């Protein structure tokens, strides 16, 4: 998968990914679900991630794309 993504991008250029419609929902005192739409090369995906606050800061614990 990584090789396929790298092959899509011309050498020396950074991939352009945009994120829109960001929304957060508190699931517990130290747990947040973040949802957003990502777009890259004309393709869109609804993405979701679960973040947990730890003693060293926020950490992602789970991700999903549709």
PDB file of N, CA and C in Angstrom:
ATOM      1  N   UNK A   1       0.822  -1.192   0.000  1.00  0.00           N
ATOM      2  CA  UNK A   1       0.000   0.000   0.000  1.00  0.00           C
ATOM      3  C   UNK A   1       0.866   1.255   0.000  1.00  0.00           C
ATOM      4  N   UNK A   2       1.909   1.262   0.805  1.00  0.00           N
ATOM      5  CA  UNK A   2       2.787   2.434   0.874  1.00  0.00           C
ATOM      6  C   UNK A   2       3.442   2.689  -0.474  1.00  0.00           C
ATOM      7  N   UNK A   3       3.896   1.630  -1.123  1.00  0.00           N
ATOM      8  CA  UNK A   3       4.532   1.778  -2.441  1.00  0.00           C
ATOM      9  C   UNK A   3       3.542   2.338  -3.461  1.00  0.00           C
ATOM     10  N   UNK A   4       2.294   1.879  -3.425  1.00  0.00           N
ATOM     11  CA  UNK A   4       1.283   2.361  -4.366  1.00  0.00           C
ATOM     12  C   UNK A   4       1.009   3.842  -4.159  1.00  0.00           C
ATOM     13  N   UNK A   5       0.910   4.276  -2.906  1.00  0.00           N
ATOM     14  CA  UNK A   5       0.682   5.694  -2.619  1.00  0.00           C
ATOM     15  C   UNK A   5       1.873   6.539  -3.061  1.00  0.00           C
ATOM     16  N   UNK A   6       3.076   6.042  -2.809  1.00  0.00           N
ATOM     17  CA  UNK A   6       4.277   6.783  -3.202  1.00  0.00           C
ATOM     18  C   UNK A   6       4.357   6.923  -4.718  1.00  0.00           C
ATOM     19  N   UNK A   7       3.932   5.908  -5.457  1.00  0.00           N
ATOM     20  CA  UNK A   7       3.992   5.939  -6.915  1.00  0.00           C
ATOM     21  C   UNK A   7       3.027   6.962  -7.506  1.00  0.00           C
ATOM     22  N   UNK A   8       1.970   7.318  -6.797  1.00  0.00           N
ATOM     23  CA  UNK A   8       0.996   8.289  -7.287  1.00  0.00           C
ATOM     24  C   UNK A   8       1.531   9.710  -7.275  1.00  0.00           C
ATOM     25  N   UNK A   9       2.524   9.987  -6.466  1.00  0.00           N
ATOM     26  CA  UNK A   9       3.031  11.343  -6.265  1.00  0.00           C
ATOM     27  C   UNK A   9       4.322  11.547  -7.050  1.00  0.00           C
ATOM     28  N   UNK A  10       4.417  12.622  -7.866  1.00  0.00           N
ATOM     29  CA  UNK A  10       5.675  12.900  -8.557  1.00  0.00           C
ATOM     30  C   UNK A  10       6.821  13.073  -7.567  1.00  0.00           C
ATOM     31  N   UNK A  11       8.005  12.642  -7.957  1.00  0.00           N
ATOM     32  CA  UNK A  11       9.188  12.727  -7.087  1.00  0.00           C
ATOM     33  C   UNK A  11       9.428  14.169  -6.670  1.00  0.00           C
ATOM     34  N   UNK A  12       9.748  14.353  -5.412  1.00  0.00           N
ATOM     35  CA  UNK A  12      10.087  15.670  -4.898  1.00  0.00           C
ATOM     36  C   UNK A  12       8.907  16.534  -4.497  1.00  0.00           C
ATOM     37  N   UNK A  13       7.683  16.074  -4.710  1.00  0.00           N
ATOM     38  CA  UNK A  13       6.514  16.847  -4.337  1.00  0.00           C
ATOM     39  C   UNK A  13       5.828  16.224  -3.137  1.00  0.00           C
ATOM     40  N   UNK A  14       5.319  17.078  -2.268  1.00  0.00           N
ATOM     41  CA  UNK A  14       4.565  16.612  -1.112  1.00  0.00           C
ATOM     42  C   UNK A  14       3.128  16.304  -1.529  1.00  0.00           C
ATOM     43  N   UNK A  15       2.531  15.235  -1.014  1.00  0.00           N
ATOM     44  CA  UNK A  15       1.125  14.970  -1.332  1.00  0.00           C
ATOM     45  C   UNK A  15       0.233  16.046  -0.733  1.00  0.00           C
ATOM     46  N   UNK A  16      -0.805  16.400  -1.464  1.00  0.00           N
ATOM     47  CA  UNK A  16      -1.742  17.408  -0.991  1.00  0.00           C
ATOM     48  C   UNK A  16      -2.970  16.686  -0.443  1.00  0.00           C
ATOM     49  N   UNK A  17      -3.146  16.774   0.849  1.00  0.00           N
ATOM     50  CA  UNK A  17      -4.307  16.193   1.514  1.00  0.00           C
ATOM     51  C   UNK A  17      -4.991  17.316   2.265  1.00  0.00           C
ATOM     52  N   UNK A  18      -6.301  17.417   2.082  1.00  0.00           N
ATOM     53  CA  UNK A  18      -7.041  18.426   2.826  1.00  0.00           C
ATOM     54  C   UNK A  18      -8.015  17.730   3.765  1.00  0.00           C
ATOM     55  N   UNK A  19      -8.310  18.384   4.857  1.00  0.00           N
ATOM     56  CA  UNK A  19      -9.282  17.877   5.831  1.00  0.00           C
ATOM     57  C   UNK A  19     -10.319  18.960   6.067  1.00  0.00           C
ATOM     58  N   UNK A  20     -11.595  18.580   5.951  1.00  0.00           N
ATOM     59  CA  UNK A  20     -12.694  19.516   6.165  1.00  0.00           C
ATOM     60  C   UNK A  20     -13.741  18.869   7.062  1.00  0.00           C
ATOM     61  N   UNK A  21     -14.687  19.665   7.484  1.00  0.00           N
ATOM     62  CA  UNK A  21     -15.813  19.199   8.290  1.00  0.00           C
ATOM     63  C   UNK A  21     -15.362  18.473   9.565  1.00  0.00           C
ATOM     64  N   UNK A  22     -14.347  19.014  10.225  1.00  0.00           N
ATOM     65  CA  UNK A  22     -13.857  18.425  11.466  1.00  0.00           C
ATOM     66  C   UNK A  22     -14.893  18.595  12.567  1.00  0.00           C
ATOM     67  N   UNK A  23     -15.117  17.533  13.314  1.00  0.00           N
ATOM     68  CA  UNK A  23     -16.053  17.574  14.439  1.00  0.00           C
ATOM     69  C   UNK A  23     -15.542  16.659  15.537  1.00  0.00           C
ATOM     70  N   UNK A  24     -15.668  17.099  16.761  1.00  0.00           N
ATOM     71  CA  UNK A  24     -15.256  16.291  17.901  1.00  0.00           C
ATOM     72  C   UNK A  24     -16.438  15.974  18.790  1.00  0.00           C
ATOM     73  N   UNK A  25     -16.442  14.784  19.349  1.00  0.00           N
ATOM     74  CA  UNK A  25     -17.501  14.383  20.282  1.00  0.00           C
ATOM     75  C   UNK A  25     -16.837  13.763  21.506  1.00  0.00           C
ATOM     76  N   UNK A  26     -17.204  14.273  22.678  1.00  0.00           N
ATOM     77  CA  UNK A  26     -16.650  13.736  23.921  1.00  0.00           C
ATOM     78  C   UNK A  26     -17.347  12.416  24.235  1.00  0.00           C
ATOM     79  N   UNK A  27     -16.557  11.354  24.332  1.00  0.00           N
ATOM     80  CA  UNK A  27     -17.096  10.040  24.674  1.00  0.00           C
ATOM     81  C   UNK A  27     -16.949   9.752  26.166  1.00  0.00           C
ATOM     82  N   UNK A  28     -15.957  10.358  26.791  1.00  0.00           N
ATOM     83  CA  UNK A  28     -15.703  10.252  28.231  1.00  0.00           C
ATOM     84  C   UNK A  28     -14.824  11.455  28.588  1.00  0.00           C
ATOM     85  N   UNK A  29     -14.524  11.633  29.863  1.00  0.00           N
ATOM     86  CA  UNK A  29     -13.720  12.791  30.277  1.00  0.00           C
ATOM     87  C   UNK A  29     -12.404  12.893  29.511  1.00  0.00           C
ATOM     88  N   UNK A  30     -11.753  11.783  29.261  1.00  0.00           N
ATOM     89  CA  UNK A  30     -10.450  11.782  28.605  1.00  0.00           C
ATOM     90  C   UNK A  30     -10.456  11.070  27.261  1.00  0.00           C
ATOM     91  N   UNK A  31     -11.619  10.971  26.612  1.00  0.00           N
ATOM     92  CA  UNK A  31     -11.733  10.281  25.319  1.00  0.00           C
ATOM     93  C   UNK A  31     -12.578  11.136  24.372  1.00  0.00           C
ATOM     94  N   UNK A  32     -12.027  11.394  23.181  1.00  0.00           N
ATOM     95  CA  UNK A  32     -12.698  12.192  22.161  1.00  0.00           C
ATOM     96  C   UNK A  32     -12.721  11.401  20.856  1.00  0.00           C
ATOM     97  N   UNK A  33     -13.859  11.493  20.124  1.00  0.00           N
ATOM     98  CA  UNK A  33     -13.923  10.953  18.770  1.00  0.00           C
ATOM     99  C   UNK A  33     -13.854  12.137  17.813  1.00  0.00           C
ATOM    100  N   UNK A  34     -12.897  12.093  16.893  1.00  0.00           N
ATOM    101  CA  UNK A  34     -12.739  13.120  15.881  1.00  0.00           C
ATOM    102  C   UNK A  34     -13.200  12.548  14.547  1.00  0.00           C
ATOM    103  N   UNK A  35     -14.094  13.258  13.850  1.00  0.00           N
ATOM    104  CA  UNK A  35     -14.504  12.854  12.508  1.00  0.00           C
ATOM    105  C   UNK A  35     -14.191  13.989  11.550  1.00  0.00           C
ATOM    106  N   UNK A  36     -13.867  13.632  10.306  1.00  0.00           N
ATOM    107  CA  UNK A  36     -13.563  14.630   9.286  1.00  0.00           C
ATOM    108  C   UNK A  36     -13.595  13.990   7.911  1.00  0.00           C
ATOM    109  N   UNK A  37     -13.635  14.833   6.885  1.00  0.00           N
ATOM    110  CA  UNK A  37     -13.561  14.397   5.500  1.00  0.00           C
ATOM    111  C   UNK A  37     -12.150  14.713   5.001  1.00  0.00           C
ATOM    112  N   UNK A  38     -11.466  13.712   4.454  1.00  0.00           N
ATOM    113  CA  UNK A  38     -10.162  13.960   3.839  1.00  0.00           C
ATOM    114  C   UNK A  38     -10.325  13.870   2.324  1.00  0.00           C
ATOM    115  N   UNK A  39      -9.517  14.662   1.627  1.00  0.00           N
ATOM    116  CA  UNK A  39      -9.544  14.626   0.172  1.00  0.00           C
ATOM    117  C   UNK A  39      -8.118  14.625  -0.342  1.00  0.00           C
ATOM    118  N   UNK A  40      -7.846  13.701  -1.273  1.00  0.00           N
ATOM    119  CA  UNK A  40      -6.518  13.579  -1.872  1.00  0.00           C
ATOM    120  C   UNK A  40      -6.705  13.097  -3.304  1.00  0.00           C
ATOM    121  N   UNK A  41      -6.117  13.803  -4.229  1.00  0.00           N
ATOM    122  CA  UNK A  41      -6.176  13.431  -5.643  1.00  0.00           C
ATOM    123  C   UNK A  41      -7.615  13.227  -6.114  1.00  0.00           C
ATOM    124  N   UNK A  42      -8.525  14.087  -5.647  1.00  0.00           N
ATOM    125  CA  UNK A  42      -9.908  14.008  -6.078  1.00  0.00           C
ATOM    126  C   UNK A  42     -10.749  12.958  -5.383  1.00  0.00           C
ATOM    127  N   UNK A  43     -10.168  12.203  -4.473  1.00  0.00           N
ATOM    128  CA  UNK A  43     -10.930  11.177  -3.746  1.00  0.00           C
ATOM    129  C   UNK A  43     -11.220  11.679  -2.342  1.00  0.00           C
ATOM    130  N   UNK A  44     -12.429  11.387  -1.868  1.00  0.00           N
ATOM    131  CA  UNK A  44     -12.855  11.810  -0.530  1.00  0.00           C
ATOM    132  C   UNK A  44     -13.096  10.588   0.339  1.00  0.00           C
ATOM    133  N   UNK A  45     -12.831  10.743   1.626  1.00  0.00           N
ATOM    134  CA  UNK A  45     -13.095   9.668   2.581  1.00  0.00           C
ATOM    135  C   UNK A  45     -13.558  10.276   3.900  1.00  0.00           C
ATOM    136  N   UNK A  46     -14.570   9.664   4.489  1.00  0.00           N
ATOM    137  CA  UNK A  46     -14.994  10.035   5.836  1.00  0.00           C
ATOM    138  C   UNK A  46     -14.091   9.290   6.801  1.00  0.00           C
ATOM    139  N   UNK A  47     -13.429  10.010   7.668  1.00  0.00           N
ATOM    140  CA  UNK A  47     -12.476   9.399   8.597  1.00  0.00           C
ATOM    141  C   UNK A  47     -12.899   9.662  10.034  1.00  0.00           C
ATOM    142  N   UNK A  48     -12.486   8.765  10.892  1.00  0.00           N
ATOM    143  CA  UNK A  48     -12.807   8.860  12.305  1.00  0.00           C
ATOM    144  C   UNK A  48     -11.622   8.356  13.104  1.00  0.00           C
ATOM    145  N   UNK A  49     -11.342   9.001  14.215  1.00  0.00           N
ATOM    146  CA  UNK A  49     -10.286   8.526  15.107  1.00  0.00           C
ATOM    147  C   UNK A  49     -10.717   8.753  16.551  1.00  0.00           C
ATOM    148  N   UNK A  50     -10.243   7.880  17.413  1.00  0.00           N
ATOM    149  CA  UNK A  50     -10.505   7.981  18.852  1.00  0.00           C
ATOM    150  C   UNK A  50      -9.206   8.422  19.524  1.00  0.00           C
ATOM    151  N   UNK A  51      -9.300   9.470  20.331  1.00  0.00           N
ATOM    152  CA  UNK A  51      -8.147  10.031  21.030  1.00  0.00           C
ATOM    153  C   UNK A  51      -8.354   9.894  22.537  1.00  0.00           C
ATOM    154  N   UNK A  52      -7.287   9.510  23.231  1.00  0.00           N
ATOM    155  CA  UNK A  52      -7.325   9.371  24.689  1.00  0.00           C
ATOM    156  C   UNK A  52      -6.243  10.256  25.296  1.00  0.00           C
ATOM    157  N   UNK A  53      -6.628  11.000  26.344  1.00  0.00           N
ATOM    158  CA  UNK A  53      -5.646  11.826  27.051  1.00  0.00           C
ATOM    159  C   UNK A  53      -4.845  10.939  27.991  1.00  0.00           C
ATOM    160  N   UNK A  54      -3.536  11.015  27.891  1.00  0.00           N
ATOM    161  CA  UNK A  54      -2.635  10.250  28.751  1.00  0.00           C
ATOM    162  C   UNK A  54      -1.821  11.235  29.583  1.00  0.00           C
ATOM    163  N   UNK A  55      -1.058  10.771  30.530  1.00  0.00           N
ATOM    164  CA  UNK A  55      -0.224  11.690  31.316  1.00  0.00           C
ATOM    165  C   UNK A  55       0.770  12.489  30.459  1.00  0.00           C
ATOM    166  N   UNK A  56       1.112  11.984  29.275  1.00  0.00           N
ATOM    167  CA  UNK A  56       2.060  12.693  28.406  1.00  0.00           C
ATOM    168  C   UNK A  56       1.381  13.459  27.270  1.00  0.00           C
ATOM    169  N   UNK A  57       0.050  13.454  27.217  1.00  0.00           N
ATOM    170  CA  UNK A  57      -0.670  14.197  26.181  1.00  0.00           C
ATOM    171  C   UNK A  57      -1.695  13.328  25.464  1.00  0.00           C
ATOM    172  N   UNK A  58      -2.316  13.874  24.428  1.00  0.00           N
ATOM    173  CA  UNK A  58      -3.333  13.148  23.662  1.00  0.00           C
ATOM    174  C   UNK A  58      -2.674  12.150  22.730  1.00  0.00           C
ATOM    175  N   UNK A  59      -3.251  10.945  22.674  1.00  0.00           N
ATOM    176  CA  UNK A  59      -2.752   9.866  21.808  1.00  0.00           C
ATOM    177  C   UNK A  59      -3.912   9.253  21.049  1.00  0.00           C
ATOM    178  N   UNK A  60      -3.692   8.998  19.744  1.00  0.00           N
ATOM    179  CA  UNK A  60      -4.721   8.328  18.959  1.00  0.00           C
ATOM    180  C   UNK A  60      -4.722   6.832  19.325  1.00  0.00           C
ATOM    181  N   UNK A  61      -5.895   6.272  19.521  1.00  0.00           N
ATOM    182  CA  UNK A  61      -5.994   4.847  19.887  1.00  0.00           C
ATOM    183  C   UNK A  61      -6.642   4.020  18.809  1.00  0.00           C
ATOM    184  N   UNK A  62      -7.382   4.662  17.897  1.00  0.00           N
ATOM    185  CA  UNK A  62      -8.096   3.928  16.868  1.00  0.00           C
ATOM    186  C   UNK A  62      -8.405   4.853  15.701  1.00  0.00           C
ATOM    187  N   UNK A  63      -8.335   4.337  14.453  1.00  0.00           N
ATOM    188  CA  UNK A  63      -8.700   5.115  13.276  1.00  0.00           C
ATOM    189  C   UNK A  63      -9.560   4.266  12.350  1.00  0.00           C
ATOM    190  N   UNK A  64     -10.347   4.950  11.521  1.00  0.00           N
ATOM    191  CA  UNK A  64     -11.187   4.244  10.562  1.00  0.00           C
ATOM    192  C   UNK A  64     -11.502   5.176   9.401  1.00  0.00           C
ATOM    193  N   UNK A  65     -11.574   4.610   8.198  1.00  0.00           N
ATOM    194  CA  UNK A  65     -11.962   5.377   7.011  1.00  0.00           C
ATOM    195  C   UNK A  65     -13.087   4.627   6.290  1.00  0.00           C
ATOM    196  N   UNK A  66     -13.986   5.380   5.699  1.00  0.00           N
ATOM    197  CA  UNK A  66     -15.079   4.781   4.914  1.00  0.00           C
ATOM    198  C   UNK A  66     -15.038   5.300   3.501  1.00  0.00           C
TER     199      UNK A  66
END
